[in-house]
Amino acid sequence: MPKGLGEHQFVAINTAAGDTTLVAAQAVGVTIRVIAFFILATTAAAVVSFQSGTGGTALTGPMTTAVGAPIFSVDAAFGNFETATATLLNLHQTGTVQLSGWLIWCTAS
């Protein structure tokens, strides 16, 4: 059975933390679906990944970016990946490099 998708929402990425909650956990039975993202390391190379929950299930493999060389996804109408139900979307990085960018997401239920 296909999932119902919510309205697209936008989040700014501006962090130098090892783990950053990009989107808070949603209601029971609702996932966070990532439609597109853009991440830029501004001060040093960075290795980042998206997780379902902090320290949780990896939604992407480790992605390495050099200073000024962004990591980005294509705008996928049905999404690139999604969290488990009622679970936050975490951006994890090894180290503490300044990351900037944006995220487009929606709910799926």
C-alpha atoms as a PDB file:
ATOM      1  CA  MET A   1       0.000   0.000   0.000  1.00  0.00           C
ATOM      2  CA  PRO A   2       1.513   3.385  -0.980  1.00  0.00           C
ATOM      3  CA  LYS A   3       2.349   5.871   1.742  1.00  0.00           C
ATOM      4  CA  GLY A   4       0.698   9.293   1.963  1.00  0.00           C
ATOM      5  CA  LEU A   5       3.177  12.140   1.690  1.00  0.00           C
ATOM      6  CA  GLY A   6       2.931  15.415   3.611  1.00  0.00           C
ATOM      7  CA  GLU A   7       3.868  18.909   2.444  1.00  0.00           C
ATOM      8  CA  HIS A   8       7.520  19.587   1.639  1.00  0.00           C
ATOM      9  CA  GLN A   9       9.352  21.331   4.474  1.00  0.00           C
ATOM     10  CA  PHE A  10      12.753  23.012   4.586  1.00  0.00           C
ATOM     11  CA  VAL A  11      15.561  22.943   7.162  1.00  0.00           C
ATOM     12  CA  ALA A  12      18.778  24.961   7.205  1.00  0.00           C
ATOM     13  CA  ILE A  13      21.927  22.989   8.038  1.00  0.00           C
ATOM     14  CA  ASN A  14      24.338  24.993  10.184  1.00  0.00           C
ATOM     15  CA  THR A  15      26.352  22.861  12.610  1.00  0.00           C
ATOM     16  CA  ALA A  16      29.802  21.912  13.815  1.00  0.00           C
ATOM     17  CA  ALA A  17      28.549  19.173  16.163  1.00  0.00           C
ATOM     18  CA  GLY A  18      29.203  15.456  15.837  1.00  0.00           C
ATOM     19  CA  ASP A  19      25.455  14.738  15.865  1.00  0.00           C
ATOM     20  CA  THR A  20      22.711  17.168  14.889  1.00  0.00           C
ATOM     21  CA  THR A  21      18.969  16.530  14.925  1.00  0.00           C
ATOM     22  CA  LEU A  22      17.747  17.894  11.596  1.00  0.00           C
ATOM     23  CA  VAL A  23      14.085  16.930  12.055  1.00  0.00           C
ATOM     24  CA  ALA A  24      12.426  15.917  15.326  1.00  0.00           C
ATOM     25  CA  ALA A  25      10.706  12.548  15.582  1.00  0.00           C
ATOM     26  CA  GLN A  26       7.181  12.546  14.199  1.00  0.00           C
ATOM     27  CA  ALA A  27       4.067  10.744  15.471  1.00  0.00           C
ATOM     28  CA  VAL A  28       3.742   6.974  15.733  1.00  0.00           C
ATOM     29  CA  GLY A  29       3.382   5.500  12.242  1.00  0.00           C
ATOM     30  CA  VAL A  30       4.949   8.559  10.547  1.00  0.00           C
ATOM     31  CA  THR A  31       8.412   8.626   8.946  1.00  0.00           C
ATOM     32  CA  ILE A  32      10.639  11.493   7.810  1.00  0.00           C
ATOM     33  CA  ARG A  33      11.366  11.217   4.084  1.00  0.00           C
ATOM     34  CA  VAL A  34      14.320  13.172   2.663  1.00  0.00           C
ATOM     35  CA  ILE A  35      13.535  14.635  -0.747  1.00  0.00           C
ATOM     36  CA  ALA A  36      16.825  16.511  -1.344  1.00  0.00           C
ATOM     37  CA  PHE A  37      19.839  17.859   0.541  1.00  0.00           C
ATOM     38  CA  PHE A  38      22.957  19.992   0.083  1.00  0.00           C
ATOM     39  CA  ILE A  39      25.882  19.954   2.541  1.00  0.00           C
ATOM     40  CA  LEU A  40      29.068  22.019   2.329  1.00  0.00           C
ATOM     41  CA  ALA A  41      32.094  21.688   4.628  1.00  0.00           C
ATOM     42  CA  THR A  42      33.407  25.212   5.075  1.00  0.00           C
ATOM     43  CA  THR A  43      36.583  24.848   7.162  1.00  0.00           C
ATOM     44  CA  ALA A  44      38.022  21.335   6.551  1.00  0.00           C
ATOM     45  CA  ALA A  45      37.142  18.042   4.904  1.00  0.00           C
ATOM     46  CA  ALA A  46      34.241  16.222   6.540  1.00  0.00           C
ATOM     47  CA  VAL A  47      32.746  12.738   6.579  1.00  0.00           C
ATOM     48  CA  VAL A  48      28.975  12.808   7.098  1.00  0.00           C
ATOM     49  CA  SER A  49      26.059  10.395   7.077  1.00  0.00           C
ATOM     50  CA  PHE A  50      22.338  10.516   7.787  1.00  0.00           C
ATOM     51  CA  GLN A  51      20.877   8.313  10.526  1.00  0.00           C
ATOM     52  CA  SER A  52      17.451   7.199  11.666  1.00  0.00           C
ATOM     53  CA  GLY A  53      17.852   8.268  15.304  1.00  0.00           C
ATOM     54  CA  THR A  54      21.008   9.552  16.974  1.00  0.00           C
ATOM     55  CA  GLY A  55      23.566   6.744  16.739  1.00  0.00           C
ATOM     56  CA  GLY A  56      20.832   4.721  15.062  1.00  0.00           C
ATOM     57  CA  THR A  57      20.406   3.009  11.720  1.00  0.00           C
ATOM     58  CA  ALA A  58      22.521   4.411   8.886  1.00  0.00           C
ATOM     59  CA  LEU A  59      20.373   5.800   6.064  1.00  0.00           C
ATOM     60  CA  THR A  60      23.421   6.600   3.913  1.00  0.00           C
ATOM     61  CA  GLY A  61      26.986   5.412   3.879  1.00  0.00           C
ATOM     62  CA  PRO A  62      29.759   7.755   4.959  1.00  0.00           C
ATOM     63  CA  MET A  63      30.080  10.626   2.467  1.00  0.00           C
ATOM     64  CA  THR A  64      33.314  12.634   2.278  1.00  0.00           C
ATOM     65  CA  THR A  65      33.451  16.244   1.170  1.00  0.00           C
ATOM     66  CA  ALA A  66      36.462  18.489   0.698  1.00  0.00           C
ATOM     67  CA  VAL A  67      36.340  22.158   1.702  1.00  0.00           C
ATOM     68  CA  GLY A  68      34.067  23.974  -0.724  1.00  0.00           C
ATOM     69  CA  ALA A  69      33.034  20.762  -2.560  1.00  0.00           C
ATOM     70  CA  PRO A  70      29.397  20.065  -1.671  1.00  0.00           C
ATOM     71  CA  ILE A  71      27.590  16.782  -1.211  1.00  0.00           C
ATOM     72  CA  PHE A  72      24.062  16.895  -2.587  1.00  0.00           C
ATOM     73  CA  SER A  73      21.236  14.679  -3.738  1.00  0.00           C
ATOM     74  CA  VAL A  74      19.031  14.926  -6.740  1.00  0.00           C
ATOM     75  CA  ASP A  75      15.521  16.192  -6.052  1.00  0.00           C
ATOM     76  CA  ALA A  76      13.627  12.907  -5.874  1.00  0.00           C
ATOM     77  CA  ALA A  77       9.871  13.468  -5.896  1.00  0.00           C
ATOM     78  CA  PHE A  78       9.280  10.277  -3.896  1.00  0.00           C
ATOM     79  CA  GLY A  79      12.366  10.719  -1.703  1.00  0.00           C
ATOM     80  CA  ASN A  80      15.929   9.478  -1.362  1.00  0.00           C
ATOM     81  CA  PHE A  81      15.601   7.736   2.032  1.00  0.00           C
ATOM     82  CA  GLU A  82      13.471   7.829   5.186  1.00  0.00           C
ATOM     83  CA  THR A  83      13.681   7.218   8.913  1.00  0.00           C
ATOM     84  CA  ALA A  84      11.914   4.535  10.887  1.00  0.00           C
ATOM     85  CA  THR A  85       8.509   5.562  12.229  1.00  0.00           C
ATOM     86  CA  ALA A  86       8.476   8.003  15.152  1.00  0.00           C
ATOM     87  CA  THR A  87      12.281   8.454  14.855  1.00  0.00           C
ATOM     88  CA  LEU A  88      14.294  11.664  14.437  1.00  0.00           C
ATOM     89  CA  LEU A  89      16.534  12.401  11.436  1.00  0.00           C
ATOM     90  CA  ASN A  90      20.156  12.798  12.549  1.00  0.00           C
ATOM     91  CA  LEU A  91      23.137  14.235  10.674  1.00  0.00           C
ATOM     92  CA  HIS A  92      26.296  12.531  11.948  1.00  0.00           C
ATOM     93  CA  GLN A  93      29.847  13.625  11.235  1.00  0.00           C
ATOM     94  CA  THR A  94      33.195  12.296  12.331  1.00  0.00           C
ATOM     95  CA  GLY A  95      34.918  15.281  13.905  1.00  0.00           C
ATOM     96  CA  THR A  96      33.511  18.769  14.324  1.00  0.00           C
ATOM     97  CA  VAL A  97      33.786  20.601  11.020  1.00  0.00           C
ATOM     98  CA  GLN A  98      31.458  23.521  10.226  1.00  0.00           C
ATOM     99  CA  LEU A  99      28.743  22.204   7.879  1.00  0.00           C
ATOM    100  CA  SER A 100      26.286  24.446   6.045  1.00  0.00           C
ATOM    101  CA  GLY A 101      23.474  23.661   3.650  1.00  0.00           C
ATOM    102  CA  TRP A 102      19.816  22.750   3.462  1.00  0.00           C
ATOM    103  CA  LEU A 103      17.380  19.828   3.533  1.00  0.00           C
ATOM    104  CA  ILE A 104      13.971  19.321   1.945  1.00  0.00           C
ATOM    105  CA  TRP A 105      11.796  16.709   3.654  1.00  0.00           C
ATOM    106  CA  CYS A 106       8.230  15.580   4.150  1.00  0.00           C
ATOM    107  CA  THR A 107       6.341  13.154   6.332  1.00  0.00           C
ATOM    108  CA  ALA A 108       5.210   9.780   5.034  1.00  0.00           C
ATOM    109  CA  SER A 109       2.502   7.659   6.628  1.00  0.00           C
END
